[in-house]
């Protein structure tokens, strides 16, 4: 599925959260698709199951996945109105990143081009 960088300063569970978010955002993992069980993923990635559980809890609190007792964890269908708090966080992060990009010399046209590239990637999924 993916690999984690055990030498990174970023905690393993955060890396896992980011990787799974990316798979969900890019539609590699579809709505209502079952995620690997904690045990399966821990074996596959050779990491502690508690780390997987922590990442799944974080993804659930952010609205990316949901859990059904005895059945597992699944990709949450997207409902924009439910994600307003998360959207606000993303907007703020984008503001910071845009400000940094402009400071470093990136033009508005380059930013727009990058946005179009991301949109095209979403359409191809």
PDB file of N, CA and C in Angstrom:
ATOM      1  N   UNK A   1       0.837  -1.200   0.000  1.00  0.00           N
ATOM      2  CA  UNK A   1       0.000   0.000   0.000  1.00  0.00           C
ATOM      3  C   UNK A   1       0.876   1.257   0.000  1.00  0.00           C
ATOM      4  N   UNK A   2       1.806   1.354   0.948  1.00  0.00           N
ATOM      5  CA  UNK A   2       2.728   2.486   1.031  1.00  0.00           C
ATOM      6  C   UNK A   2       3.818   2.180   2.035  1.00  0.00           C
ATOM      7  N   UNK A   3       4.806   3.052   2.083  1.00  0.00           N
ATOM      8  CA  UNK A   3       5.901   2.877   3.028  1.00  0.00           C
ATOM      9  C   UNK A   3       6.000   4.092   3.933  1.00  0.00           C
ATOM     10  N   UNK A   4       6.503   3.869   5.131  1.00  0.00           N
ATOM     11  CA  UNK A   4       6.707   4.941   6.099  1.00  0.00           C
ATOM     12  C   UNK A   4       8.199   5.115   6.317  1.00  0.00           C
ATOM     13  N   UNK A   5       8.599   6.339   6.655  1.00  0.00           N
ATOM     14  CA  UNK A   5      10.002   6.637   6.893  1.00  0.00           C
ATOM     15  C   UNK A   5      10.282   6.564   8.396  1.00  0.00           C
ATOM     16  N   UNK A   6      10.881   5.452   8.814  1.00  0.00           N
ATOM     17  CA  UNK A   6      11.133   5.271  10.252  1.00  0.00           C
ATOM     18  C   UNK A   6      12.221   6.197  10.776  1.00  0.00           C
ATOM     19  N   UNK A   7      12.992   6.812   9.875  1.00  0.00           N
ATOM     20  CA  UNK A   7      14.047   7.739  10.299  1.00  0.00           C
ATOM     21  C   UNK A   7      13.556   9.188  10.370  1.00  0.00           C
ATOM     22  N   UNK A   8      12.355   9.416   9.930  1.00  0.00           N
ATOM     23  CA  UNK A   8      11.805  10.770   9.925  1.00  0.00           C
ATOM     24  C   UNK A   8      11.574  11.264  11.350  1.00  0.00           C
ATOM     25  N   UNK A   9      11.660  12.584  11.516  1.00  0.00           N
ATOM     26  CA  UNK A   9      11.353  13.184  12.819  1.00  0.00           C
ATOM     27  C   UNK A   9       9.848  13.161  13.088  1.00  0.00           C
ATOM     28  N   UNK A  10       9.068  13.062  12.024  1.00  0.00           N
ATOM     29  CA  UNK A  10       7.610  13.040  12.163  1.00  0.00           C
ATOM     30  C   UNK A  10       7.178  11.679  12.712  1.00  0.00           C
ATOM     31  N   UNK A  11       6.325  11.675  13.738  1.00  0.00           N
ATOM     32  CA  UNK A  11       5.876  10.408  14.312  1.00  0.00           C
ATOM     33  C   UNK A  11       5.236   9.490  13.258  1.00  0.00           C
ATOM     34  N   UNK A  12       5.389   8.192  13.459  1.00  0.00           N
ATOM     35  CA  UNK A  12       4.870   7.197  12.516  1.00  0.00           C
ATOM     36  C   UNK A  12       3.363   7.363  12.320  1.00  0.00           C
ATOM     37  N   UNK A  13       2.626   7.582  13.420  1.00  0.00           N
ATOM     38  CA  UNK A  13       1.168   7.680  13.272  1.00  0.00           C
ATOM     39  C   UNK A  13       0.779   8.889  12.419  1.00  0.00           C
ATOM     40  N   UNK A  14       1.534   9.999  12.517  1.00  0.00           N
ATOM     41  CA  UNK A  14       1.246  11.175  11.692  1.00  0.00           C
ATOM     42  C   UNK A  14       1.534  10.889  10.221  1.00  0.00           C
ATOM     43  N   UNK A  15       2.627  10.171   9.973  1.00  0.00           N
ATOM     44  CA  UNK A  15       2.932   9.781   8.598  1.00  0.00           C
ATOM     45  C   UNK A  15       1.814   8.908   8.040  1.00  0.00           C
ATOM     46  N   UNK A  16       1.331   7.989   8.858  1.00  0.00           N
ATOM     47  CA  UNK A  16       0.260   7.095   8.448  1.00  0.00           C
ATOM     48  C   UNK A  16      -1.020   7.880   8.155  1.00  0.00           C
ATOM     49  N   UNK A  17      -1.339   8.826   9.021  1.00  0.00           N
ATOM     50  CA  UNK A  17      -2.520   9.671   8.810  1.00  0.00           C
ATOM     51  C   UNK A  17      -2.392  10.405   7.472  1.00  0.00           C
ATOM     52  N   UNK A  18      -1.243  11.005   7.216  1.00  0.00           N
ATOM     53  CA  UNK A  18      -1.035  11.747   5.962  1.00  0.00           C
ATOM     54  C   UNK A  18      -1.156  10.846   4.747  1.00  0.00           C
ATOM     55  N   UNK A  19      -0.545   9.663   4.814  1.00  0.00           N
ATOM     56  CA  UNK A  19      -0.587   8.728   3.675  1.00  0.00           C
ATOM     57  C   UNK A  19      -2.020   8.286   3.400  1.00  0.00           C
ATOM     58  N   UNK A  20      -2.754   7.940   4.446  1.00  0.00           N
ATOM     59  CA  UNK A  20      -4.130   7.501   4.252  1.00  0.00           C
ATOM     60  C   UNK A  20      -5.013   8.636   3.749  1.00  0.00           C
ATOM     61  N   UNK A  21      -4.813   9.849   4.271  1.00  0.00           N
ATOM     62  CA  UNK A  21      -5.560  11.008   3.774  1.00  0.00           C
ATOM     63  C   UNK A  21      -5.314  11.180   2.277  1.00  0.00           C
ATOM     64  N   UNK A  22      -4.040  11.073   1.890  1.00  0.00           N
ATOM     65  CA  UNK A  22      -3.683  11.239   0.481  1.00  0.00           C
ATOM     66  C   UNK A  22      -4.379  10.187  -0.381  1.00  0.00           C
ATOM     67  N   UNK A  23      -4.420   8.948   0.084  1.00  0.00           N
ATOM     68  CA  UNK A  23      -5.099   7.887  -0.663  1.00  0.00           C
ATOM     69  C   UNK A  23      -6.601   8.144  -0.768  1.00  0.00           C
ATOM     70  N   UNK A  24      -7.180   8.721   0.269  1.00  0.00           N
ATOM     71  CA  UNK A  24      -8.606   9.040   0.258  1.00  0.00           C
ATOM     72  C   UNK A  24      -8.866  10.238  -0.657  1.00  0.00           C
ATOM     73  N   UNK A  25      -8.050  11.284  -0.517  1.00  0.00           N
ATOM     74  CA  UNK A  25      -8.230  12.506  -1.301  1.00  0.00           C
ATOM     75  C   UNK A  25      -8.072  12.237  -2.795  1.00  0.00           C
ATOM     76  N   UNK A  26      -7.106  11.392  -3.146  1.00  0.00           N
ATOM     77  CA  UNK A  26      -6.861  11.097  -4.564  1.00  0.00           C
ATOM     78  C   UNK A  26      -7.763   9.981  -5.079  1.00  0.00           C
ATOM     79  N   UNK A  27      -8.692   9.557  -4.247  1.00  0.00           N
ATOM     80  CA  UNK A  27      -9.695   8.563  -4.625  1.00  0.00           C
ATOM     81  C   UNK A  27      -9.118   7.173  -4.884  1.00  0.00           C
ATOM     82  N   UNK A  28      -7.925   6.905  -4.378  1.00  0.00           N
ATOM     83  CA  UNK A  28      -7.375   5.547  -4.449  1.00  0.00           C
ATOM     84  C   UNK A  28      -8.215   4.672  -3.524  1.00  0.00           C
ATOM     85  N   UNK A  29      -8.537   5.211  -2.356  1.00  0.00           N
ATOM     86  CA  UNK A  29      -9.493   4.571  -1.456  1.00  0.00           C
ATOM     87  C   UNK A  29     -10.835   5.246  -1.673  1.00  0.00           C
ATOM     88  N   UNK A  30     -11.826   4.495  -2.067  1.00  0.00           N
ATOM     89  CA  UNK A  30     -13.154   5.032  -2.428  1.00  0.00           C
ATOM     90  C   UNK A  30     -14.070   5.125  -1.206  1.00  0.00           C
ATOM     91  N   UNK A  31     -15.158   5.885  -1.371  1.00  0.00           N
ATOM     92  CA  UNK A  31     -16.158   6.017  -0.315  1.00  0.00           C
ATOM     93  C   UNK A  31     -16.659   4.642   0.115  1.00  0.00           C
ATOM     94  N   UNK A  32     -16.791   4.459   1.409  1.00  0.00           N
ATOM     95  CA  UNK A  32     -17.283   3.225   2.027  1.00  0.00           C
ATOM     96  C   UNK A  32     -16.382   2.011   1.803  1.00  0.00           C
ATOM     97  N   UNK A  33     -15.177   2.214   1.273  1.00  0.00           N
ATOM     98  CA  UNK A  33     -14.232   1.106   1.113  1.00  0.00           C
ATOM     99  C   UNK A  33     -13.645   0.740   2.471  1.00  0.00           C
ATOM    100  N   UNK A  34     -13.532  -0.559   2.705  1.00  0.00           N
ATOM    101  CA  UNK A  34     -12.997  -1.038   3.978  1.00  0.00           C
ATOM    102  C   UNK A  34     -11.481  -0.867   3.993  1.00  0.00           C
ATOM    103  N   UNK A  35     -10.980  -0.323   5.097  1.00  0.00           N
ATOM    104  CA  UNK A  35      -9.540  -0.195   5.291  1.00  0.00           C
ATOM    105  C   UNK A  35      -8.999  -1.510   5.847  1.00  0.00           C
ATOM    106  N   UNK A  36      -7.708  -1.764   5.680  1.00  0.00           N
ATOM    107  CA  UNK A  36      -7.132  -2.967   6.286  1.00  0.00           C
ATOM    108  C   UNK A  36      -7.343  -2.928   7.806  1.00  0.00           C
ATOM    109  N   UNK A  37      -7.496  -4.091   8.408  1.00  0.00           N
ATOM    110  CA  UNK A  37      -7.661  -4.124   9.858  1.00  0.00           C
ATOM    111  C   UNK A  37      -6.377  -3.616  10.510  1.00  0.00           C
ATOM    112  N   UNK A  38      -6.497  -3.221  11.757  1.00  0.00           N
ATOM    113  CA  UNK A  38      -5.339  -2.744  12.518  1.00  0.00           C
ATOM    114  C   UNK A  38      -4.251  -3.817  12.502  1.00  0.00           C
ATOM    115  N   UNK A  39      -4.633  -5.039  12.753  1.00  0.00           N
ATOM    116  CA  UNK A  39      -3.671  -6.146  12.805  1.00  0.00           C
ATOM    117  C   UNK A  39      -2.998  -6.362  11.437  1.00  0.00           C
ATOM    118  N   UNK A  40      -3.793  -6.382  10.367  1.00  0.00           N
ATOM    119  CA  UNK A  40      -3.235  -6.579   9.017  1.00  0.00           C
ATOM    120  C   UNK A  40      -2.229  -5.490   8.669  1.00  0.00           C
ATOM    121  N   UNK A  41      -2.621  -4.244   8.904  1.00  0.00           N
ATOM    122  CA  UNK A  41      -1.752  -3.123   8.540  1.00  0.00           C
ATOM    123  C   UNK A  41      -0.493  -3.099   9.409  1.00  0.00           C
ATOM    124  N   UNK A  42      -0.639  -3.436  10.678  1.00  0.00           N
ATOM    125  CA  UNK A  42       0.523  -3.480  11.574  1.00  0.00           C
ATOM    126  C   UNK A  42       1.511  -4.540  11.088  1.00  0.00           C
ATOM    127  N   UNK A  43       1.008  -5.685  10.660  1.00  0.00           N
ATOM    128  CA  UNK A  43       1.873  -6.738  10.124  1.00  0.00           C
ATOM    129  C   UNK A  43       2.528  -6.290   8.827  1.00  0.00           C
ATOM    130  N   UNK A  44       1.726  -5.713   7.943  1.00  0.00           N
ATOM    131  CA  UNK A  44       2.229  -5.274   6.640  1.00  0.00           C
ATOM    132  C   UNK A  44       3.329  -4.232   6.777  1.00  0.00           C
ATOM    133  N   UNK A  45       3.139  -3.270   7.677  1.00  0.00           N
ATOM    134  CA  UNK A  45       4.096  -2.181   7.841  1.00  0.00           C
ATOM    135  C   UNK A  45       5.134  -2.476   8.931  1.00  0.00           C
ATOM    136  N   UNK A  46       4.980  -3.587   9.596  1.00  0.00           N
ATOM    137  CA  UNK A  46       5.831  -3.982  10.727  1.00  0.00           C
ATOM    138  C   UNK A  46       5.967  -2.871  11.773  1.00  0.00           C
ATOM    139  N   UNK A  47       4.807  -2.401  12.224  1.00  0.00           N
ATOM    140  CA  UNK A  47       4.765  -1.404  13.297  1.00  0.00           C
ATOM    141  C   UNK A  47       3.736  -1.845  14.339  1.00  0.00           C
ATOM    142  N   UNK A  48       3.792  -1.224  15.489  1.00  0.00           N
ATOM    143  CA  UNK A  48       2.925  -1.558  16.606  1.00  0.00           C
ATOM    144  C   UNK A  48       1.448  -1.302  16.252  1.00  0.00           C
ATOM    145  N   UNK A  49       0.560  -2.256  16.538  1.00  0.00           N
ATOM    146  CA  UNK A  49      -0.866  -2.057  16.269  1.00  0.00           C
ATOM    147  C   UNK A  49      -1.442  -0.814  16.956  1.00  0.00           C
ATOM    148  N   UNK A  50      -0.891  -0.452  18.132  1.00  0.00           N
ATOM    149  CA  UNK A  50      -1.380   0.757  18.817  1.00  0.00           C
ATOM    150  C   UNK A  50      -1.150   2.009  17.969  1.00  0.00           C
ATOM    151  N   UNK A  51      -0.084   2.009  17.178  1.00  0.00           N
ATOM    152  CA  UNK A  51       0.217   3.142  16.302  1.00  0.00           C
ATOM    153  C   UNK A  51      -0.846   3.244  15.206  1.00  0.00           C
ATOM    154  N   UNK A  52      -1.223   2.103  14.651  1.00  0.00           N
ATOM    155  CA  UNK A  52      -2.271   2.065  13.622  1.00  0.00           C
ATOM    156  C   UNK A  52      -3.587   2.549  14.230  1.00  0.00           C
ATOM    157  N   UNK A  53      -3.897   2.041  15.416  1.00  0.00           N
ATOM    158  CA  UNK A  53      -5.137   2.422  16.086  1.00  0.00           C
ATOM    159  C   UNK A  53      -5.188   3.930  16.338  1.00  0.00           C
ATOM    160  N   UNK A  54      -4.075   4.494  16.749  1.00  0.00           N
ATOM    161  CA  UNK A  54      -4.012   5.938  16.997  1.00  0.00           C
ATOM    162  C   UNK A  54      -4.260   6.716  15.702  1.00  0.00           C
ATOM    163  N   UNK A  55      -3.661   6.267  14.613  1.00  0.00           N
ATOM    164  CA  UNK A  55      -3.856   6.928  13.311  1.00  0.00           C
ATOM    165  C   UNK A  55      -5.320   6.813  12.882  1.00  0.00           C
ATOM    166  N   UNK A  56      -5.914   5.638  13.036  1.00  0.00           N
ATOM    167  CA  UNK A  56      -7.320   5.451  12.661  1.00  0.00           C
ATOM    168  C   UNK A  56      -8.231   6.352  13.503  1.00  0.00           C
ATOM    169  N   UNK A  57      -7.937   6.461  14.808  1.00  0.00           N
ATOM    170  CA  UNK A  57      -8.745   7.354  15.664  1.00  0.00           C
ATOM    171  C   UNK A  57      -8.641   8.804  15.190  1.00  0.00           C
ATOM    172  N   UNK A  58      -7.419   9.227  14.826  1.00  0.00           N
ATOM    173  CA  UNK A  58      -7.212  10.592  14.335  1.00  0.00           C
ATOM    174  C   UNK A  58      -7.992  10.823  13.041  1.00  0.00           C
ATOM    175  N   UNK A  59      -7.907   9.871  12.119  1.00  0.00           N
ATOM    176  CA  UNK A  59      -8.641   9.993  10.850  1.00  0.00           C
ATOM    177  C   UNK A  59     -10.151  10.022  11.086  1.00  0.00           C
ATOM    178  N   UNK A  60     -10.598   9.259  12.060  1.00  0.00           N
ATOM    179  CA  UNK A  60     -12.030   9.257  12.378  1.00  0.00           C
ATOM    180  C   UNK A  60     -12.451  10.597  12.974  1.00  0.00           C
ATOM    181  N   UNK A  61     -11.628  11.153  13.847  1.00  0.00           N
ATOM    182  CA  UNK A  61     -11.969  12.448  14.461  1.00  0.00           C
ATOM    183  C   UNK A  61     -11.965  13.567  13.419  1.00  0.00           C
ATOM    184  N   UNK A  62     -11.168  13.402  12.352  1.00  0.00           N
ATOM    185  CA  UNK A  62     -11.125  14.404  11.287  1.00  0.00           C
ATOM    186  C   UNK A  62     -12.197  14.165  10.223  1.00  0.00           C
ATOM    187  N   UNK A  63     -12.936  13.064  10.332  1.00  0.00           N
ATOM    188  CA  UNK A  63     -14.031  12.803   9.404  1.00  0.00           C
ATOM    189  C   UNK A  63     -13.639  12.086   8.120  1.00  0.00           C
ATOM    190  N   UNK A  64     -12.448  11.527   8.067  1.00  0.00           N
ATOM    191  CA  UNK A  64     -12.015  10.821   6.859  1.00  0.00           C
ATOM    192  C   UNK A  64     -12.476   9.368   6.839  1.00  0.00           C
ATOM    193  N   UNK A  65     -12.634   8.767   8.008  1.00  0.00           N
ATOM    194  CA  UNK A  65     -13.082   7.386   8.083  1.00  0.00           C
ATOM    195  C   UNK A  65     -14.139   7.246   9.166  1.00  0.00           C
ATOM    196  N   UNK A  66     -14.834   6.118   9.152  1.00  0.00           N
ATOM    197  CA  UNK A  66     -15.764   5.780  10.230  1.00  0.00           C
ATOM    198  C   UNK A  66     -15.568   4.304  10.571  1.00  0.00           C
ATOM    199  N   UNK A  67     -15.934   3.936  11.771  1.00  0.00           N
ATOM    200  CA  UNK A  67     -15.762   2.557  12.222  1.00  0.00           C
ATOM    201  C   UNK A  67     -17.108   1.951  12.559  1.00  0.00           C
ATOM    202  N   UNK A  68     -17.227   0.670  12.258  1.00  0.00           N
ATOM    203  CA  UNK A  68     -18.403  -0.101  12.648  1.00  0.00           C
ATOM    204  C   UNK A  68     -17.918  -1.234  13.542  1.00  0.00           C
ATOM    205  N   UNK A  69     -18.467  -1.284  14.743  1.00  0.00           N
ATOM    206  CA  UNK A  69     -18.027  -2.275  15.724  1.00  0.00           C
ATOM    207  C   UNK A  69     -18.121  -3.687  15.136  1.00  0.00           C
ATOM    208  N   UNK A  70     -17.015  -4.393  15.197  1.00  0.00           N
ATOM    209  CA  UNK A  70     -16.972  -5.759  14.702  1.00  0.00           C
ATOM    210  C   UNK A  70     -16.797  -5.892  13.200  1.00  0.00           C
ATOM    211  N   UNK A  71     -16.867  -4.789  12.476  1.00  0.00           N
ATOM    212  CA  UNK A  71     -16.761  -4.834  11.006  1.00  0.00           C
ATOM    213  C   UNK A  71     -15.474  -4.196  10.501  1.00  0.00           C
ATOM    214  N   UNK A  72     -14.992  -3.157  11.185  1.00  0.00           N
ATOM    215  CA  UNK A  72     -13.766  -2.498  10.765  1.00  0.00           C
ATOM    216  C   UNK A  72     -13.945  -1.020  10.511  1.00  0.00           C
ATOM    217  N   UNK A  73     -12.953  -0.444   9.807  1.00  0.00           N
ATOM    218  CA  UNK A  73     -12.955   0.992   9.486  1.00  0.00           C
ATOM    219  C   UNK A  73     -13.146   1.171   7.986  1.00  0.00           C
ATOM    220  N   UNK A  74     -13.883   2.220   7.628  1.00  0.00           N
ATOM    221  CA  UNK A  74     -14.246   2.462   6.235  1.00  0.00           C
ATOM    222  C   UNK A  74     -14.027   3.932   5.885  1.00  0.00           C
ATOM    223  N   UNK A  75     -13.833   4.191   4.589  1.00  0.00           N
ATOM    224  CA  UNK A  75     -13.676   5.567   4.105  1.00  0.00           C
ATOM    225  C   UNK A  75     -15.027   6.263   4.205  1.00  0.00           C
ATOM    226  N   UNK A  76     -15.027   7.412   4.829  1.00  0.00           N
ATOM    227  CA  UNK A  76     -16.256   8.189   5.046  1.00  0.00           C
ATOM    228  C   UNK A  76     -16.663   8.886   3.753  1.00  0.00           C
ATOM    229  N   UNK A  77     -17.950   8.768   3.363  1.00  0.00           N
ATOM    230  CA  UNK A  77     -18.414   9.543   2.196  1.00  0.00           C
ATOM    231  C   UNK A  77     -18.274  11.035   2.473  1.00  0.00           C
ATOM    232  N   UNK A  78     -17.928  11.789   1.458  1.00  0.00           N
ATOM    233  CA  UNK A  78     -17.681  13.221   1.625  1.00  0.00           C
ATOM    234  C   UNK A  78     -18.997  13.984   1.658  1.00  0.00           C
ATOM    235  N   UNK A  79     -19.159  14.754   2.724  1.00  0.00           N
ATOM    236  CA  UNK A  79     -20.306  15.655   2.849  1.00  0.00           C
ATOM    237  C   UNK A  79     -19.738  17.007   3.238  1.00  0.00           C
ATOM    238  N   UNK A  80     -19.581  17.919   2.269  1.00  0.00           N
ATOM    239  CA  UNK A  80     -18.903  19.197   2.532  1.00  0.00           C
ATOM    240  C   UNK A  80     -19.396  19.947   3.763  1.00  0.00           C
ATOM    241  N   UNK A  81     -20.684  19.917   4.041  1.00  0.00           N
ATOM    242  CA  UNK A  81     -21.185  20.682   5.180  1.00  0.00           C
ATOM    243  C   UNK A  81     -20.665  20.129   6.503  1.00  0.00           C
ATOM    244  N   UNK A  82     -20.362  18.827   6.547  1.00  0.00           N
ATOM    245  CA  UNK A  82     -19.854  18.227   7.774  1.00  0.00           C
ATOM    246  C   UNK A  82     -18.391  18.563   8.018  1.00  0.00           C
ATOM    247  N   UNK A  83     -17.687  18.984   6.973  1.00  0.00           N
ATOM    248  CA  UNK A  83     -16.249  19.189   7.069  1.00  0.00           C
ATOM    249  C   UNK A  83     -15.856  20.664   7.210  1.00  0.00           C
ATOM    250  N   UNK A  84     -16.755  21.496   7.652  1.00  0.00           N
ATOM    251  CA  UNK A  84     -16.479  22.932   7.713  1.00  0.00           C
ATOM    252  C   UNK A  84     -15.280  23.258   8.600  1.00  0.00           C
ATOM    253  N   UNK A  85     -15.182  22.609   9.745  1.00  0.00           N
ATOM    254  CA  UNK A  85     -14.060  22.874  10.644  1.00  0.00           C
ATOM    255  C   UNK A  85     -12.738  22.469   9.984  1.00  0.00           C
ATOM    256  N   UNK A  86     -12.734  21.304   9.354  1.00  0.00           N
ATOM    257  CA  UNK A  86     -11.526  20.831   8.672  1.00  0.00           C
ATOM    258  C   UNK A  86     -11.196  21.736   7.487  1.00  0.00           C
ATOM    259  N   UNK A  87     -12.220  22.192   6.766  1.00  0.00           N
ATOM    260  CA  UNK A  87     -12.002  23.111   5.645  1.00  0.00           C
ATOM    261  C   UNK A  87     -11.372  24.414   6.124  1.00  0.00           C
ATOM    262  N   UNK A  88     -11.798  24.895   7.263  1.00  0.00           N
ATOM    263  CA  UNK A  88     -11.212  26.124   7.806  1.00  0.00           C
ATOM    264  C   UNK A  88      -9.736  25.934   8.126  1.00  0.00           C
ATOM    265  N   UNK A  89      -9.381  24.757   8.671  1.00  0.00           N
ATOM    266  CA  UNK A  89      -7.970  24.468   8.949  1.00  0.00           C
ATOM    267  C   UNK A  89      -7.164  24.440   7.652  1.00  0.00           C
ATOM    268  N   UNK A  90      -7.728  23.812   6.629  1.00  0.00           N
ATOM    269  CA  UNK A  90      -7.038  23.719   5.333  1.00  0.00           C
ATOM    270  C   UNK A  90      -6.876  25.108   4.728  1.00  0.00           C
ATOM    271  N   UNK A  91      -7.921  25.933   4.808  1.00  0.00           N
ATOM    272  CA  UNK A  91      -7.827  27.304   4.277  1.00  0.00           C
ATOM    273  C   UNK A  91      -6.693  28.078   4.944  1.00  0.00           C
ATOM    274  N   UNK A  92      -6.607  27.952   6.266  1.00  0.00           N
ATOM    275  CA  UNK A  92      -5.566  28.673   7.005  1.00  0.00           C
ATOM    276  C   UNK A  92      -4.182  28.167   6.609  1.00  0.00           C
ATOM    277  N   UNK A  93      -4.054  26.858   6.474  1.00  0.00           N
ATOM    278  CA  UNK A  93      -2.772  26.270   6.061  1.00  0.00           C
ATOM    279  C   UNK A  93      -2.406  26.724   4.643  1.00  0.00           C
ATOM    280  N   UNK A  94      -3.392  26.776   3.761  1.00  0.00           N
ATOM    281  CA  UNK A  94      -3.138  27.251   2.393  1.00  0.00           C
ATOM    282  C   UNK A  94      -2.681  28.712   2.382  1.00  0.00           C
ATOM    283  N   UNK A  95      -3.323  29.533   3.229  1.00  0.00           N
ATOM    284  CA  UNK A  95      -2.894  30.937   3.316  1.00  0.00           C
ATOM    285  C   UNK A  95      -1.412  31.031   3.671  1.00  0.00           C
ATOM    286  N   UNK A  96      -1.006  30.242   4.664  1.00  0.00           N
ATOM    287  CA  UNK A  96       0.399  30.248   5.086  1.00  0.00           C
ATOM    288  C   UNK A  96       1.303  29.774   3.952  1.00  0.00           C
ATOM    289  N   UNK A  97       0.899  28.690   3.296  1.00  0.00           N
ATOM    290  CA  UNK A  97       1.721  28.150   2.207  1.00  0.00           C
ATOM    291  C   UNK A  97       1.790  29.109   1.018  1.00  0.00           C
ATOM    292  N   UNK A  98       0.671  29.750   0.684  1.00  0.00           N
ATOM    293  CA  UNK A  98       0.676  30.729  -0.411  1.00  0.00           C
ATOM    294  C   UNK A  98       1.595  31.905  -0.071  1.00  0.00           C
ATOM    295  N   UNK A  99       1.495  32.387   1.169  1.00  0.00           N
ATOM    296  CA  UNK A  99       2.345  33.509   1.586  1.00  0.00           C
ATOM    297  C   UNK A  99       3.816  33.125   1.479  1.00  0.00           C
ATOM    298  N   UNK A 100       4.160  31.922   1.899  1.00  0.00           N
ATOM    299  CA  UNK A 100       5.552  31.465   1.821  1.00  0.00           C
ATOM    300  C   UNK A 100       5.988  31.311   0.359  1.00  0.00           C
ATOM    301  N   UNK A 101       5.105  30.738  -0.465  1.00  0.00           N
ATOM    302  CA  UNK A 101       5.438  30.546  -1.883  1.00  0.00           C
ATOM    303  C   UNK A 101       5.676  31.890  -2.574  1.00  0.00           C
ATOM    304  N   UNK A 102       4.828  32.863  -2.301  1.00  0.00           N
ATOM    305  CA  UNK A 102       4.976  34.196  -2.902  1.00  0.00           C
ATOM    306  C   UNK A 102       6.258  34.854  -2.400  1.00  0.00           C
ATOM    307  N   UNK A 103       6.521  34.717  -1.116  1.00  0.00           N
ATOM    308  CA  UNK A 103       7.748  35.267  -0.541  1.00  0.00           C
ATOM    309  C   UNK A 103       8.980  34.675  -1.218  1.00  0.00           C
ATOM    310  N   UNK A 104       8.924  33.380  -1.535  1.00  0.00           N
ATOM    311  CA  UNK A 104      10.056  32.698  -2.159  1.00  0.00           C
ATOM    312  C   UNK A 104      10.123  32.918  -3.675  1.00  0.00           C
ATOM    313  N   UNK A 105       9.148  33.665  -4.209  1.00  0.00           N
ATOM    314  CA  UNK A 105       9.224  34.040  -5.615  1.00  0.00           C
ATOM    315  C   UNK A 105       8.252  33.344  -6.555  1.00  0.00           C
ATOM    316  N   UNK A 106       7.355  32.531  -6.050  1.00  0.00           N
ATOM    317  CA  UNK A 106       6.380  31.866  -6.907  1.00  0.00           C
ATOM    318  C   UNK A 106       5.339  32.883  -7.351  1.00  0.00           C
ATOM    319  N   UNK A 107       4.970  32.830  -8.623  1.00  0.00           N
ATOM    320  CA  UNK A 107       3.987  33.778  -9.156  1.00  0.00           C
ATOM    321  C   UNK A 107       2.573  33.230  -9.008  1.00  0.00           C
ATOM    322  N   UNK A 108       1.600  34.127  -9.145  1.00  0.00           N
ATOM    323  CA  UNK A 108       0.194  33.721  -9.094  1.00  0.00           C
ATOM    324  C   UNK A 108      -0.109  32.725 -10.204  1.00  0.00           C
ATOM    325  N   UNK A 109       0.480  32.948 -11.373  1.00  0.00           N
ATOM    326  CA  UNK A 109       0.257  32.034 -12.504  1.00  0.00           C
ATOM    327  C   UNK A 109       0.784  30.631 -12.185  1.00  0.00           C
ATOM    328  N   UNK A 110       1.925  30.554 -11.514  1.00  0.00           N
ATOM    329  CA  UNK A 110       2.470  29.243 -11.133  1.00  0.00           C
ATOM    330  C   UNK A 110       1.561  28.544 -10.119  1.00  0.00           C
ATOM    331  N   UNK A 111       1.026  29.330  -9.195  1.00  0.00           N
ATOM    332  CA  UNK A 111       0.121  28.768  -8.189  1.00  0.00           C
ATOM    333  C   UNK A 111      -1.152  28.270  -8.879  1.00  0.00           C
ATOM    334  N   UNK A 112      -1.708  29.067  -9.796  1.00  0.00           N
ATOM    335  CA  UNK A 112      -2.906  28.663 -10.537  1.00  0.00           C
ATOM    336  C   UNK A 112      -2.639  27.403 -11.350  1.00  0.00           C
ATOM    337  N   UNK A 113      -1.473  27.343 -11.973  1.00  0.00           N
ATOM    338  CA  UNK A 113      -1.101  26.176 -12.775  1.00  0.00           C
ATOM    339  C   UNK A 113      -1.025  24.925 -11.904  1.00  0.00           C
ATOM    340  N   UNK A 114      -0.458  25.082 -10.734  1.00  0.00           N
ATOM    341  CA  UNK A 114      -0.359  23.965  -9.797  1.00  0.00           C
ATOM    342  C   UNK A 114      -1.751  23.505  -9.359  1.00  0.00           C
ATOM    343  N   UNK A 115      -2.645  24.454  -9.108  1.00  0.00           N
ATOM    344  CA  UNK A 115      -4.014  24.134  -8.723  1.00  0.00           C
ATOM    345  C   UNK A 115      -4.712  23.353  -9.841  1.00  0.00           C
ATOM    346  N   UNK A 116      -4.559  23.815 -11.085  1.00  0.00           N
ATOM    347  CA  UNK A 116      -5.169  23.120 -12.228  1.00  0.00           C
ATOM    348  C   UNK A 116      -4.625  21.695 -12.347  1.00  0.00           C
ATOM    349  N   UNK A 117      -3.336  21.544 -12.098  1.00  0.00           N
ATOM    350  CA  UNK A 117      -2.705  20.222 -12.152  1.00  0.00           C
ATOM    351  C   UNK A 117      -3.330  19.281 -11.114  1.00  0.00           C
ATOM    352  N   UNK A 118      -3.556  19.795  -9.920  1.00  0.00           N
ATOM    353  CA  UNK A 118      -4.178  18.994  -8.856  1.00  0.00           C
ATOM    354  C   UNK A 118      -5.616  18.661  -9.236  1.00  0.00           C
ATOM    355  N   UNK A 119      -6.343  19.629  -9.776  1.00  0.00           N
ATOM    356  CA  UNK A 119      -7.717  19.389 -10.194  1.00  0.00           C
ATOM    357  C   UNK A 119      -7.788  18.316 -11.282  1.00  0.00           C
ATOM    358  N   UNK A 120      -6.871  18.379 -12.246  1.00  0.00           N
ATOM    359  CA  UNK A 120      -6.836  17.379 -13.315  1.00  0.00           C
ATOM    360  C   UNK A 120      -6.571  15.995 -12.730  1.00  0.00           C
ATOM    361  N   UNK A 121      -5.716  15.933 -11.749  1.00  0.00           N
ATOM    362  CA  UNK A 121      -5.430  14.662 -11.085  1.00  0.00           C
ATOM    363  C   UNK A 121      -6.668  14.096 -10.427  1.00  0.00           C
ATOM    364  N   UNK A 122      -7.510  14.957  -9.847  1.00  0.00           N
ATOM    365  CA  UNK A 122      -8.756  14.522  -9.206  1.00  0.00           C
ATOM    366  C   UNK A 122      -9.730  14.004 -10.258  1.00  0.00           C
ATOM    367  N   UNK A 123      -9.787  14.665 -11.413  1.00  0.00           N
ATOM    368  CA  UNK A 123     -10.712  14.270 -12.475  1.00  0.00           C
ATOM    369  C   UNK A 123     -10.344  12.921 -13.071  1.00  0.00           C
ATOM    370  N   UNK A 124      -9.064  12.607 -13.087  1.00  0.00           N
ATOM    371  CA  UNK A 124      -8.594  11.355 -13.703  1.00  0.00           C
ATOM    372  C   UNK A 124      -8.839  10.147 -12.819  1.00  0.00           C
ATOM    373  N   UNK A 125      -9.193  10.362 -11.566  1.00  0.00           N
ATOM    374  CA  UNK A 125      -9.379   9.231 -10.634  1.00  0.00           C
ATOM    375  C   UNK A 125     -10.715   8.587 -10.785  1.00  0.00           C
TER     376      UNK A 125
END
